[in-house]
Amino acid sequence: SKDLIQAVAWQESNYLPNVVSSAGAIGVMQLMPSAISYLGVSDPYNAEQNIMGGAKLLSFLSDRYNGNLELTLAAYNAGYGAVDKYNGIPPYTETQNFVQKIKASLGL
């Protein structure tokens, strides 16, 4: 949903297109370099491309986790390998906080 995309963009980068995290994630939706081409993004600093790539990733993860928002968000933050490994939200403070903050911003 538009609200979900906006909440993730706000949490990830405060809507800033040129931000790069210490882990190397780029742009508004903080896309990892390894996923950028898969997501169809040619310029991760282009806000529209980055947001569309993030939306594609959220959709993929939502499908993977049968619409489970918490698992979708956890996988967006920590990677689906971590979610699968722990069979749920990984025990990472950053990921747990990310999930809770997004849910709160959506009024959940």
N, C-alpha and C. Protein backbone atom coordinates (compact mmCIF):
# COMPACT_ATOMS: atom_id res chain seq x y z
N SER A 1 0.84 -1.19 0.00
CA SER A 1 0.00 0.00 0.00
C SER A 1 0.87 1.25 0.00
N LYS A 2 0.28 2.32 -0.43
CA LYS A 2 0.97 3.61 -0.43
C LYS A 2 1.42 3.98 0.97
N ASP A 3 0.56 3.73 1.96
CA ASP A 3 0.91 4.06 3.35
C ASP A 3 2.12 3.26 3.83
N LEU A 4 2.18 1.99 3.46
CA LEU A 4 3.31 1.15 3.86
C LEU A 4 4.60 1.66 3.22
N ILE A 5 4.54 1.97 1.94
CA ILE A 5 5.73 2.47 1.24
C ILE A 5 6.21 3.77 1.87
N GLN A 6 5.28 4.66 2.17
CA GLN A 6 5.65 5.93 2.80
C GLN A 6 6.25 5.71 4.18
N ALA A 7 5.68 4.79 4.95
CA ALA A 7 6.20 4.52 6.29
C ALA A 7 7.61 3.95 6.23
N VAL A 8 7.86 3.05 5.29
CA VAL A 8 9.19 2.47 5.14
C VAL A 8 10.18 3.54 4.68
N ALA A 9 9.78 4.35 3.72
CA ALA A 9 10.67 5.42 3.23
C ALA A 9 11.04 6.38 4.35
N TRP A 10 10.06 6.76 5.15
CA TRP A 10 10.31 7.67 6.27
C TRP A 10 11.28 7.05 7.27
N GLN A 11 11.01 5.80 7.64
CA GLN A 11 11.84 5.11 8.64
C GLN A 11 13.25 4.87 8.11
N GLU A 12 13.36 4.49 6.86
CA GLU A 12 14.66 4.14 6.30
C GLU A 12 15.55 5.35 6.04
N SER A 13 14.97 6.43 5.53
CA SER A 13 15.85 7.52 5.06
C SER A 13 15.33 8.92 5.33
N ASN A 14 14.16 9.03 5.96
CA ASN A 14 13.53 10.34 6.11
C ASN A 14 13.30 10.97 4.74
N TYR A 15 13.03 10.10 3.75
CA TYR A 15 12.76 10.48 2.35
C TYR A 15 13.98 11.09 1.64
N LEU A 16 15.16 10.88 2.14
CA LEU A 16 16.36 11.46 1.53
C LEU A 16 16.91 10.53 0.45
N PRO A 17 17.04 10.99 -0.79
CA PRO A 17 17.46 10.13 -1.88
C PRO A 17 18.96 9.83 -1.93
N ASN A 18 19.77 10.64 -1.28
CA ASN A 18 21.23 10.46 -1.40
C ASN A 18 21.87 9.81 -0.19
N VAL A 19 21.08 9.33 0.74
CA VAL A 19 21.64 8.74 1.96
C VAL A 19 22.16 7.33 1.68
N VAL A 20 23.28 7.00 2.31
CA VAL A 20 23.87 5.67 2.23
C VAL A 20 24.14 5.21 3.66
N SER A 21 23.65 4.03 4.00
CA SER A 21 23.84 3.52 5.36
C SER A 21 25.23 2.95 5.55
N SER A 22 25.57 2.69 6.80
CA SER A 22 26.87 2.09 7.09
C SER A 22 26.98 0.68 6.50
N ALA A 23 25.84 0.04 6.24
CA ALA A 23 25.83 -1.29 5.62
C ALA A 23 25.85 -1.21 4.10
N GLY A 24 25.77 0.03 3.56
CA GLY A 24 25.82 0.21 2.11
C GLY A 24 24.48 0.35 1.42
N ALA A 25 23.39 0.35 2.20
CA ALA A 25 22.06 0.51 1.60
C ALA A 25 21.92 1.94 1.08
N ILE A 26 21.23 2.08 -0.05
CA ILE A 26 21.21 3.34 -0.80
C ILE A 26 19.81 3.90 -0.97
N GLY A 27 19.69 5.20 -0.80
CA GLY A 27 18.51 5.94 -1.22
C GLY A 27 17.32 5.92 -0.29
N VAL A 28 16.22 6.40 -0.82
CA VAL A 28 14.98 6.60 -0.06
C VAL A 28 14.55 5.32 0.65
N MET A 29 14.56 4.20 -0.05
CA MET A 29 14.10 2.93 0.51
C MET A 29 15.25 2.07 1.04
N GLN A 30 16.47 2.64 1.01
CA GLN A 30 17.65 1.95 1.53
C GLN A 30 17.82 0.56 0.92
N LEU A 31 17.95 0.53 -0.40
CA LEU A 31 18.13 -0.72 -1.12
C LEU A 31 19.58 -1.18 -1.05
N MET A 32 19.75 -2.46 -0.83
CA MET A 32 21.09 -3.03 -0.80
C MET A 32 21.61 -3.16 -2.23
N PRO A 33 22.89 -2.85 -2.44
CA PRO A 33 23.46 -2.93 -3.79
C PRO A 33 23.24 -4.28 -4.47
N SER A 34 23.26 -5.36 -3.71
CA SER A 34 23.09 -6.69 -4.29
C SER A 34 21.69 -6.91 -4.86
N ALA A 35 20.70 -6.12 -4.44
CA ALA A 35 19.32 -6.29 -4.90
C ALA A 35 18.92 -5.28 -5.96
N ILE A 36 19.71 -4.26 -6.16
CA ILE A 36 19.32 -3.15 -7.01
C ILE A 36 18.98 -3.58 -8.44
N SER A 37 19.82 -4.35 -9.09
CA SER A 37 19.53 -4.74 -10.47
C SER A 37 18.34 -5.69 -10.53
N TYR A 38 18.22 -6.60 -9.58
CA TYR A 38 17.08 -7.51 -9.53
C TYR A 38 15.77 -6.73 -9.45
N LEU A 39 15.80 -5.61 -8.73
CA LEU A 39 14.60 -4.80 -8.55
C LEU A 39 14.33 -3.86 -9.72
N GLY A 40 15.19 -3.89 -10.73
CA GLY A 40 14.99 -3.07 -11.92
C GLY A 40 15.40 -1.62 -11.74
N VAL A 41 16.29 -1.38 -10.80
CA VAL A 41 16.74 -0.02 -10.51
C VAL A 41 18.09 0.20 -11.20
N SER A 42 18.15 1.18 -12.09
CA SER A 42 19.42 1.48 -12.75
C SER A 42 20.16 2.60 -12.04
N ASP A 43 19.44 3.47 -11.35
CA ASP A 43 20.05 4.57 -10.60
C ASP A 43 19.43 4.61 -9.20
N PRO A 44 20.09 4.00 -8.22
CA PRO A 44 19.50 3.94 -6.88
C PRO A 44 19.35 5.29 -6.20
N TYR A 45 20.00 6.32 -6.73
CA TYR A 45 19.88 7.67 -6.17
C TYR A 45 18.69 8.43 -6.77
N ASN A 46 18.08 7.86 -7.80
CA ASN A 46 16.88 8.44 -8.38
C ASN A 46 15.71 8.02 -7.48
N ALA A 47 15.08 8.99 -6.84
CA ALA A 47 14.06 8.70 -5.83
C ALA A 47 12.92 7.84 -6.39
N GLU A 48 12.45 8.16 -7.57
CA GLU A 48 11.33 7.39 -8.14
C GLU A 48 11.73 5.94 -8.37
N GLN A 49 12.90 5.72 -8.98
CA GLN A 49 13.37 4.35 -9.21
C GLN A 49 13.55 3.61 -7.89
N ASN A 50 14.14 4.28 -6.91
CA ASN A 50 14.41 3.66 -5.63
C ASN A 50 13.11 3.26 -4.94
N ILE A 51 12.14 4.16 -4.95
CA ILE A 51 10.85 3.87 -4.31
C ILE A 51 10.15 2.72 -5.03
N MET A 52 10.18 2.72 -6.35
CA MET A 52 9.57 1.63 -7.10
C MET A 52 10.27 0.29 -6.81
N GLY A 53 11.60 0.34 -6.68
CA GLY A 53 12.34 -0.87 -6.33
C GLY A 53 11.97 -1.36 -4.93
N GLY A 54 11.85 -0.43 -4.00
CA GLY A 54 11.45 -0.80 -2.64
C GLY A 54 10.04 -1.38 -2.62
N ALA A 55 9.15 -0.80 -3.42
CA ALA A 55 7.78 -1.32 -3.50
C ALA A 55 7.77 -2.75 -4.07
N LYS A 56 8.62 -2.97 -5.07
CA LYS A 56 8.72 -4.32 -5.67
C LYS A 56 9.23 -5.31 -4.62
N LEU A 57 10.22 -4.89 -3.84
CA LEU A 57 10.77 -5.77 -2.81
C LEU A 57 9.72 -6.05 -1.73
N LEU A 58 9.00 -5.04 -1.29
CA LEU A 58 7.94 -5.25 -0.30
C LEU A 58 6.88 -6.21 -0.84
N SER A 59 6.52 -6.08 -2.10
CA SER A 59 5.53 -6.96 -2.70
C SER A 59 6.04 -8.40 -2.74
N PHE A 60 7.29 -8.57 -3.15
CA PHE A 60 7.90 -9.91 -3.19
C PHE A 60 7.89 -10.54 -1.80
N LEU A 61 8.29 -9.77 -0.81
CA LEU A 61 8.36 -10.30 0.56
C LEU A 61 6.97 -10.58 1.12
N SER A 62 6.01 -9.73 0.80
CA SER A 62 4.64 -9.96 1.24
C SER A 62 4.10 -11.26 0.65
N ASP A 63 4.38 -11.50 -0.62
CA ASP A 63 3.97 -12.76 -1.25
C ASP A 63 4.67 -13.94 -0.59
N ARG A 64 5.95 -13.79 -0.31
CA ARG A 64 6.73 -14.87 0.30
C ARG A 64 6.18 -15.26 1.67
N TYR A 65 5.71 -14.26 2.41
CA TYR A 65 5.22 -14.50 3.77
C TYR A 65 3.69 -14.40 3.85
N ASN A 66 3.03 -14.67 2.74
CA ASN A 66 1.57 -14.76 2.69
C ASN A 66 0.87 -13.56 3.31
N GLY A 67 1.41 -12.37 3.05
CA GLY A 67 0.77 -11.15 3.53
C GLY A 67 1.04 -10.81 4.98
N ASN A 68 1.88 -11.58 5.66
CA ASN A 68 2.19 -11.30 7.06
C ASN A 68 3.07 -10.05 7.13
N LEU A 69 2.49 -8.97 7.62
CA LEU A 69 3.20 -7.69 7.63
C LEU A 69 4.46 -7.73 8.48
N GLU A 70 4.39 -8.33 9.66
CA GLU A 70 5.57 -8.37 10.54
C GLU A 70 6.73 -9.09 9.88
N LEU A 71 6.46 -10.23 9.26
CA LEU A 71 7.54 -10.98 8.60
C LEU A 71 8.04 -10.25 7.36
N THR A 72 7.13 -9.60 6.64
CA THR A 72 7.53 -8.81 5.48
C THR A 72 8.49 -7.70 5.90
N LEU A 73 8.14 -6.98 6.94
CA LEU A 73 8.99 -5.88 7.42
C LEU A 73 10.31 -6.39 7.98
N ALA A 74 10.26 -7.48 8.72
CA ALA A 74 11.49 -8.06 9.26
C ALA A 74 12.43 -8.47 8.14
N ALA A 75 11.88 -9.08 7.10
CA ALA A 75 12.70 -9.50 5.96
C ALA A 75 13.23 -8.30 5.19
N TYR A 76 12.44 -7.24 5.11
CA TYR A 76 12.91 -6.03 4.44
C TYR A 76 14.13 -5.47 5.18
N ASN A 77 14.09 -5.53 6.49
CA ASN A 77 15.16 -4.96 7.30
C ASN A 77 16.36 -5.90 7.45
N ALA A 78 16.11 -7.16 7.73
CA ALA A 78 17.20 -8.09 8.06
C ALA A 78 17.51 -9.09 6.95
N GLY A 79 16.64 -9.15 5.94
CA GLY A 79 16.80 -10.13 4.88
C GLY A 79 15.95 -11.36 5.16
N TYR A 80 15.43 -11.96 4.08
CA TYR A 80 14.56 -13.11 4.29
C TYR A 80 15.31 -14.33 4.80
N GLY A 81 16.62 -14.38 4.58
CA GLY A 81 17.41 -15.48 5.13
C GLY A 81 17.36 -15.49 6.65
N ALA A 82 17.43 -14.31 7.25
CA ALA A 82 17.37 -14.21 8.71
C ALA A 82 15.98 -14.58 9.22
N VAL A 83 14.94 -14.13 8.53
CA VAL A 83 13.58 -14.45 8.95
C VAL A 83 13.35 -15.96 8.84
N ASP A 84 13.82 -16.57 7.77
CA ASP A 84 13.67 -18.01 7.61
C ASP A 84 14.49 -18.77 8.65
N LYS A 85 15.68 -18.31 8.91
CA LYS A 85 16.54 -18.96 9.89
C LYS A 85 15.89 -19.00 11.27
N TYR A 86 15.29 -17.90 11.68
CA TYR A 86 14.68 -17.81 13.01
C TYR A 86 13.19 -18.15 12.99
N ASN A 87 12.68 -18.49 11.80
CA ASN A 87 11.27 -18.83 11.66
C ASN A 87 10.37 -17.75 12.27
N GLY A 88 10.75 -16.51 12.01
CA GLY A 88 10.01 -15.36 12.53
C GLY A 88 10.90 -14.15 12.56
N ILE A 89 10.49 -13.14 13.31
CA ILE A 89 11.30 -11.92 13.42
C ILE A 89 12.60 -12.27 14.12
N PRO A 90 13.73 -11.96 13.49
CA PRO A 90 15.03 -12.27 14.10
C PRO A 90 15.22 -11.52 15.42
N PRO A 91 16.03 -12.06 16.29
CA PRO A 91 16.26 -11.43 17.60
C PRO A 91 17.26 -10.28 17.54
N TYR A 92 17.09 -9.45 16.53
CA TYR A 92 17.96 -8.28 16.36
C TYR A 92 17.17 -7.06 16.82
N THR A 93 17.74 -6.29 17.72
CA THR A 93 17.05 -5.11 18.23
C THR A 93 16.66 -4.17 17.11
N GLU A 94 17.55 -3.93 16.18
CA GLU A 94 17.25 -3.03 15.06
C GLU A 94 16.03 -3.50 14.29
N THR A 95 15.98 -4.78 13.99
CA THR A 95 14.86 -5.32 13.22
C THR A 95 13.57 -5.28 14.02
N GLN A 96 13.62 -5.65 15.28
CA GLN A 96 12.42 -5.61 16.11
C GLN A 96 11.89 -4.18 16.23
N ASN A 97 12.79 -3.23 16.41
CA ASN A 97 12.37 -1.82 16.47
C ASN A 97 11.80 -1.35 15.15
N PHE A 98 12.42 -1.74 14.04
CA PHE A 98 11.94 -1.37 12.72
C PHE A 98 10.50 -1.83 12.52
N VAL A 99 10.23 -3.08 12.83
CA VAL A 99 8.90 -3.63 12.66
C VAL A 99 7.90 -2.86 13.51
N GLN A 100 8.24 -2.62 14.76
CA GLN A 100 7.31 -1.92 15.66
C GLN A 100 7.07 -0.46 15.22
N LYS A 101 8.11 0.21 14.79
CA LYS A 101 7.97 1.60 14.35
C LYS A 101 7.09 1.72 13.11
N ILE A 102 7.28 0.82 12.17
CA ILE A 102 6.46 0.85 10.95
C ILE A 102 5.00 0.55 11.31
N LYS A 103 4.79 -0.47 12.12
CA LYS A 103 3.43 -0.79 12.52
C LYS A 103 2.76 0.39 13.24
N ALA A 104 3.51 1.04 14.12
CA ALA A 104 2.96 2.19 14.84
C ALA A 104 2.62 3.32 13.89
N SER A 105 3.48 3.56 12.92
CA SER A 105 3.21 4.65 11.97
C SER A 105 1.99 4.34 11.10
N LEU A 106 1.66 3.05 10.97
CA LEU A 106 0.47 2.65 10.22
C LEU A 106 -0.77 2.56 11.12
N GLY A 107 -0.58 2.84 12.41
CA GLY A 107 -1.69 2.79 13.35
C GLY A 107 -2.05 1.38 13.77
N LEU A 108 -1.09 0.47 13.70
CA LEU A 108 -1.35 -0.93 14.07
C LEU A 108 -0.74 -1.28 15.42
